[in-house]
Amino acid sequence: MNKKISTLAIICVIALSGCSTMNSKEFGSPMNLETRAVHEPIIEVGEKITGESSFTNILWIFDVGADSEFADGVVFGNSVAEKGSMLGFIPLADSTSGVKNAAIYNALQKSGADVIIAPRYKLKTVNYVLFKTYTATVEGYRGTIKGFKQINLSGSK
């Protein structure tokens, strides 16, 4: 009898225990943690600086005499690229942004400035039958970044 009970117990254990998988998918709200520190540059404004660049475009394809170094990340307030084309759905590139960026680069390199304060651009375009010449001049004030100060996010400095 003892053997029957132990066999029955083993059969019950085998029958009641089996392989099972449990998968629980509980979707909670995502946890977005954000840390922000706002910094304002401390800029020392110096003397007036200028820079110039020019190039010639032949047959609307070849650029001759163009500078090879440019200031990157400069946004011009009145460019064709911002406005788009007259058709409204075909974006056009601003053909003068390269010569303006090269003029900015030249002004920064000559003066050792970090930024140009209150830049003003003069753009001269001479259109011949088969080629155009572009000349850009930028002038403004020398800005040197001396450091950064942290701004309190509550609005007070």
C-alpha atoms as a PDB file:
ATOM      1  CA  MET A   1       0.000   0.000   0.000  1.00  0.00           C
ATOM      2  CA  ASN A   2       2.864   2.208   0.792  1.00  0.00           C
ATOM      3  CA  LYS A   3       4.238   1.595  -2.652  1.00  0.00           C
ATOM      4  CA  LYS A   4       0.874   2.493  -4.256  1.00  0.00           C
ATOM      5  CA  ILE A   5       0.704   5.798  -2.359  1.00  0.00           C
ATOM      6  CA  SER A   6       4.242   6.760  -3.281  1.00  0.00           C
ATOM      7  CA  THR A   7       3.598   5.843  -6.950  1.00  0.00           C
ATOM      8  CA  LEU A   8       0.338   7.799  -6.893  1.00  0.00           C
ATOM      9  CA  ALA A   9       2.132  10.748  -5.300  1.00  0.00           C
ATOM     10  CA  ILE A  10       4.828  10.687  -7.998  1.00  0.00           C
ATOM     11  CA  ILE A  11       2.177  10.508 -10.755  1.00  0.00           C
ATOM     12  CA  CYS A  12       0.299  13.451  -9.193  1.00  0.00           C
ATOM     13  CA  VAL A  13       3.480  15.510  -8.930  1.00  0.00           C
ATOM     14  CA  ILE A  14       4.368  14.773 -12.584  1.00  0.00           C
ATOM     15  CA  ALA A  15       0.808  15.485 -13.780  1.00  0.00           C
ATOM     16  CA  LEU A  16       0.477  18.716 -11.846  1.00  0.00           C
ATOM     17  CA  SER A  17       3.915  20.044 -12.670  1.00  0.00           C
ATOM     18  CA  GLY A  18       4.580  20.733 -16.304  1.00  0.00           C
ATOM     19  CA  CYS A  19       6.288  23.275 -18.506  1.00  0.00           C
ATOM     20  CA  SER A  20       4.544  26.562 -18.643  1.00  0.00           C
ATOM     21  CA  THR A  21       5.456  30.045 -19.766  1.00  0.00           C
ATOM     22  CA  MET A  22       3.933  33.162 -18.427  1.00  0.00           C
ATOM     23  CA  ASN A  23       4.216  36.441 -20.295  1.00  0.00           C
ATOM     24  CA  SER A  24       2.777  39.576 -18.837  1.00  0.00           C
ATOM     25  CA  LYS A  25       2.673  42.706 -20.957  1.00  0.00           C
ATOM     26  CA  GLU A  26       1.727  45.722 -18.986  1.00  0.00           C
ATOM     27  CA  PHE A  27       2.086  49.034 -20.726  1.00  0.00           C
ATOM     28  CA  GLY A  28       2.677  51.958 -18.443  1.00  0.00           C
ATOM     29  CA  SER A  29       3.206  55.550 -19.306  1.00  0.00           C
ATOM     30  CA  PRO A  30       6.735  56.289 -20.540  1.00  0.00           C
ATOM     31  CA  MET A  31       9.082  57.902 -18.110  1.00  0.00           C
ATOM     32  CA  ASN A  32      10.590  61.029 -19.621  1.00  0.00           C
ATOM     33  CA  LEU A  33      13.281  62.530 -17.481  1.00  0.00           C
ATOM     34  CA  GLU A  34      14.772  65.778 -18.654  1.00  0.00           C
ATOM     35  CA  THR A  35      17.569  67.832 -17.225  1.00  0.00           C
ATOM     36  CA  ARG A  36      18.193  71.255 -18.672  1.00  0.00           C
ATOM     37  CA  ALA A  37      20.804  73.848 -17.994  1.00  0.00           C
ATOM     38  CA  VAL A  38      20.563  77.046 -19.962  1.00  0.00           C
ATOM     39  CA  HIS A  39      23.801  78.930 -20.498  1.00  0.00           C
ATOM     40  CA  GLU A  40      24.239  82.440 -21.803  1.00  0.00           C
ATOM     41  CA  PRO A  41      27.558  83.433 -23.370  1.00  0.00           C
ATOM     42  CA  ILE A  42      29.562  86.304 -21.924  1.00  0.00           C
ATOM     43  CA  ILE A  43      30.718  88.154 -25.045  1.00  0.00           C
ATOM     44  CA  GLU A  44      33.235  90.977 -25.154  1.00  0.00           C
ATOM     45  CA  VAL A  45      32.490  93.315 -28.083  1.00  0.00           C
ATOM     46  CA  GLY A  46      35.494  94.826 -29.829  1.00  0.00           C
ATOM     47  CA  GLU A  47      36.401  96.833 -32.896  1.00  0.00           C
ATOM     48  CA  LYS A  48      34.786  96.708 -36.334  1.00  0.00           C
ATOM     49  CA  ILE A  49      35.867  93.802 -38.555  1.00  0.00           C
ATOM     50  CA  THR A  50      35.293  92.973 -42.236  1.00  0.00           C
ATOM     51  CA  GLY A  51      35.680  89.997 -44.533  1.00  0.00           C
ATOM     52  CA  GLU A  52      35.253  89.477 -48.261  1.00  0.00           C
ATOM     53  CA  SER A  53      34.936  86.606 -50.709  1.00  0.00           C
ATOM     54  CA  SER A  54      34.134  86.287 -54.407  1.00  0.00           C
ATOM     55  CA  PHE A  55      33.799  83.713 -57.149  1.00  0.00           C
ATOM     56  CA  THR A  56      32.767  83.441 -60.781  1.00  0.00           C
ATOM     57  CA  ASN A  57      30.123  81.016 -62.022  1.00  0.00           C
ATOM     58  CA  ILE A  58      30.578  79.956 -65.658  1.00  0.00           C
ATOM     59  CA  LEU A  59      27.682  78.510 -67.654  1.00  0.00           C
ATOM     60  CA  TRP A  60      25.643  78.068 -64.427  1.00  0.00           C
ATOM     61  CA  ILE A  61      27.731  74.960 -63.639  1.00  0.00           C
ATOM     62  CA  PHE A  62      31.391  75.742 -62.895  1.00  0.00           C
ATOM     63  CA  ASP A  63      32.518  77.874 -59.946  1.00  0.00           C
ATOM     64  CA  VAL A  64      35.935  79.425 -60.502  1.00  0.00           C
ATOM     65  CA  GLY A  65      37.995  81.175 -57.846  1.00  0.00           C
ATOM     66  CA  ALA A  66      35.720  80.183 -54.964  1.00  0.00           C
ATOM     67  CA  ASP A  67      37.115  79.953 -51.447  1.00  0.00           C
ATOM     68  CA  SER A  68      37.430  76.487 -49.966  1.00  0.00           C
ATOM     69  CA  GLU A  69      36.784  77.359 -46.302  1.00  0.00           C
ATOM     70  CA  PHE A  70      33.415  78.480 -44.958  1.00  0.00           C
ATOM     71  CA  ALA A  71      31.676  79.359 -41.700  1.00  0.00           C
ATOM     72  CA  ASP A  72      29.055  76.661 -41.152  1.00  0.00           C
ATOM     73  CA  GLY A  73      25.707  77.022 -39.412  1.00  0.00           C
ATOM     74  CA  VAL A  74      25.034  80.619 -40.443  1.00  0.00           C
ATOM     75  CA  VAL A  75      21.397  81.424 -41.254  1.00  0.00           C
ATOM     76  CA  PHE A  76      20.656  84.401 -43.467  1.00  0.00           C
ATOM     77  CA  GLY A  77      17.388  86.215 -42.820  1.00  0.00           C
ATOM     78  CA  ASN A  78      16.364  86.988 -46.397  1.00  0.00           C
ATOM     79  CA  SER A  79      17.509  84.022 -48.462  1.00  0.00           C
ATOM     80  CA  VAL A  80      15.714  82.378 -51.338  1.00  0.00           C
ATOM     81  CA  ALA A  81      16.097  79.029 -49.578  1.00  0.00           C
ATOM     82  CA  GLU A  82      13.962  80.291 -46.680  1.00  0.00           C
ATOM     83  CA  LYS A  83      11.239  81.701 -48.894  1.00  0.00           C
ATOM     84  CA  GLY A  84      11.148  78.843 -51.395  1.00  0.00           C
ATOM     85  CA  SER A  85      10.571  79.327 -55.079  1.00  0.00           C
ATOM     86  CA  MET A  86       7.913  81.447 -56.686  1.00  0.00           C
ATOM     87  CA  LEU A  87       6.087  78.250 -57.589  1.00  0.00           C
ATOM     88  CA  GLY A  88       5.719  77.497 -53.900  1.00  0.00           C
ATOM     89  CA  PHE A  89       6.458  73.783 -54.078  1.00  0.00           C
ATOM     90  CA  ILE A  90       9.974  73.569 -55.535  1.00  0.00           C
ATOM     91  CA  PRO A  91      12.598  74.660 -52.998  1.00  0.00           C
ATOM     92  CA  LEU A  92      15.483  76.646 -54.435  1.00  0.00           C
ATOM     93  CA  ALA A  93      18.960  76.919 -52.981  1.00  0.00           C
ATOM     94  CA  ASP A  94      20.422  80.330 -52.270  1.00  0.00           C
ATOM     95  CA  SER A  95      23.297  80.618 -54.743  1.00  0.00           C
ATOM     96  CA  THR A  96      24.936  83.361 -52.672  1.00  0.00           C
ATOM     97  CA  SER A  97      25.066  81.604 -49.294  1.00  0.00           C
ATOM     98  CA  GLY A  98      28.457  80.012 -50.055  1.00  0.00           C
ATOM     99  CA  VAL A  99      30.155  83.305 -50.849  1.00  0.00           C
ATOM    100  CA  LYS A 100      28.558  84.910 -47.753  1.00  0.00           C
ATOM    101  CA  ASN A 101      29.753  82.032 -45.530  1.00  0.00           C
ATOM    102  CA  ALA A 102      33.271  82.362 -46.981  1.00  0.00           C
ATOM    103  CA  ALA A 103      33.242  86.124 -46.257  1.00  0.00           C
ATOM    104  CA  ILE A 104      32.216  85.418 -42.643  1.00  0.00           C
ATOM    105  CA  TYR A 105      34.963  82.814 -42.301  1.00  0.00           C
ATOM    106  CA  ASN A 106      37.552  85.272 -43.654  1.00  0.00           C
ATOM    107  CA  ALA A 107      36.420  88.002 -41.225  1.00  0.00           C
ATOM    108  CA  LEU A 108      36.581  85.623 -38.249  1.00  0.00           C
ATOM    109  CA  GLN A 109      40.003  84.276 -39.244  1.00  0.00           C
ATOM    110  CA  LYS A 110      41.553  87.730 -39.828  1.00  0.00           C
ATOM    111  CA  SER A 111      40.308  89.155 -36.540  1.00  0.00           C
ATOM    112  CA  GLY A 112      40.507  86.096 -34.283  1.00  0.00           C
ATOM    113  CA  ALA A 113      36.880  86.671 -33.267  1.00  0.00           C
ATOM    114  CA  ASP A 114      34.491  83.947 -32.113  1.00  0.00           C
ATOM    115  CA  VAL A 115      31.352  85.641 -33.493  1.00  0.00           C
ATOM    116  CA  ILE A 116      30.413  88.687 -35.536  1.00  0.00           C
ATOM    117  CA  ILE A 117      28.142  91.061 -33.651  1.00  0.00           C
ATOM    118  CA  ALA A 118      25.504  92.879 -35.788  1.00  0.00           C
ATOM    119  CA  PRO A 119      26.750  91.603 -39.167  1.00  0.00           C
ATOM    120  CA  ARG A 120      25.805  93.518 -42.321  1.00  0.00           C
ATOM    121  CA  TYR A 121      26.233  91.994 -45.748  1.00  0.00           C
ATOM    122  CA  LYS A 122      26.912  93.661 -49.070  1.00  0.00           C
ATOM    123  CA  LEU A 123      26.396  91.429 -52.062  1.00  0.00           C
ATOM    124  CA  LYS A 124      27.442  92.458 -55.545  1.00  0.00           C
ATOM    125  CA  THR A 125      26.419  90.343 -58.530  1.00  0.00           C
ATOM    126  CA  VAL A 126      27.594  91.144 -62.063  1.00  0.00           C
ATOM    127  CA  ASN A 127      25.730  89.212 -64.735  1.00  0.00           C
ATOM    128  CA  TYR A 128      27.425  88.643 -68.073  1.00  0.00           C
ATOM    129  CA  VAL A 129      25.999  86.510 -70.870  1.00  0.00           C
ATOM    130  CA  LEU A 130      27.755  83.247 -70.024  1.00  0.00           C
ATOM    131  CA  PHE A 131      28.977  83.890 -66.491  1.00  0.00           C
ATOM    132  CA  LYS A 132      28.222  85.722 -63.241  1.00  0.00           C
ATOM    133  CA  THR A 133      30.558  87.097 -60.613  1.00  0.00           C
ATOM    134  CA  TYR A 134      29.546  87.243 -56.961  1.00  0.00           C
ATOM    135  CA  THR A 135      31.283  89.320 -54.314  1.00  0.00           C
ATOM    136  CA  ALA A 136      30.180  89.314 -50.685  1.00  0.00           C
ATOM    137  CA  THR A 137      31.446  91.651 -47.989  1.00  0.00           C
ATOM    138  CA  VAL A 138      30.506  91.317 -44.326  1.00  0.00           C
ATOM    139  CA  GLU A 139      31.183  93.856 -41.638  1.00  0.00           C
ATOM    140  CA  GLY A 140      30.310  93.896 -37.986  1.00  0.00           C
ATOM    141  CA  TYR A 141      31.936  93.993 -34.592  1.00  0.00           C
ATOM    142  CA  ARG A 142      34.434  91.541 -33.171  1.00  0.00           C
ATOM    143  CA  GLY A 143      32.860  89.295 -30.541  1.00  0.00           C
ATOM    144  CA  THR A 144      34.994  87.183 -28.218  1.00  0.00           C
ATOM    145  CA  ILE A 145      33.354  84.634 -25.921  1.00  0.00           C
ATOM    146  CA  LYS A 146      34.858  85.042 -22.437  1.00  0.00           C
ATOM    147  CA  GLY A 147      32.792  82.350 -20.746  1.00  0.00           C
ATOM    148  CA  PHE A 148      29.253  81.246 -19.966  1.00  0.00           C
ATOM    149  CA  LYS A 149      26.870  81.926 -17.125  1.00  0.00           C
ATOM    150  CA  GLN A 150      24.114  79.551 -16.136  1.00  0.00           C
ATOM    151  CA  ILE A 151      20.591  80.917 -16.232  1.00  0.00           C
ATOM    152  CA  ASN A 152      18.080  79.767 -13.656  1.00  0.00           C
ATOM    153  CA  LEU A 153      15.129  78.069 -15.391  1.00  0.00           C
ATOM    154  CA  SER A 154      12.675  79.936 -13.176  1.00  0.00           C
ATOM    155  CA  GLY A 155      13.489  83.088 -15.115  1.00  0.00           C
ATOM    156  CA  SER A 156      15.784  84.938 -12.732  1.00  0.00           C
ATOM    157  CA  LYS A 157      19.475  85.219 -13.520  1.00  0.00           C
END
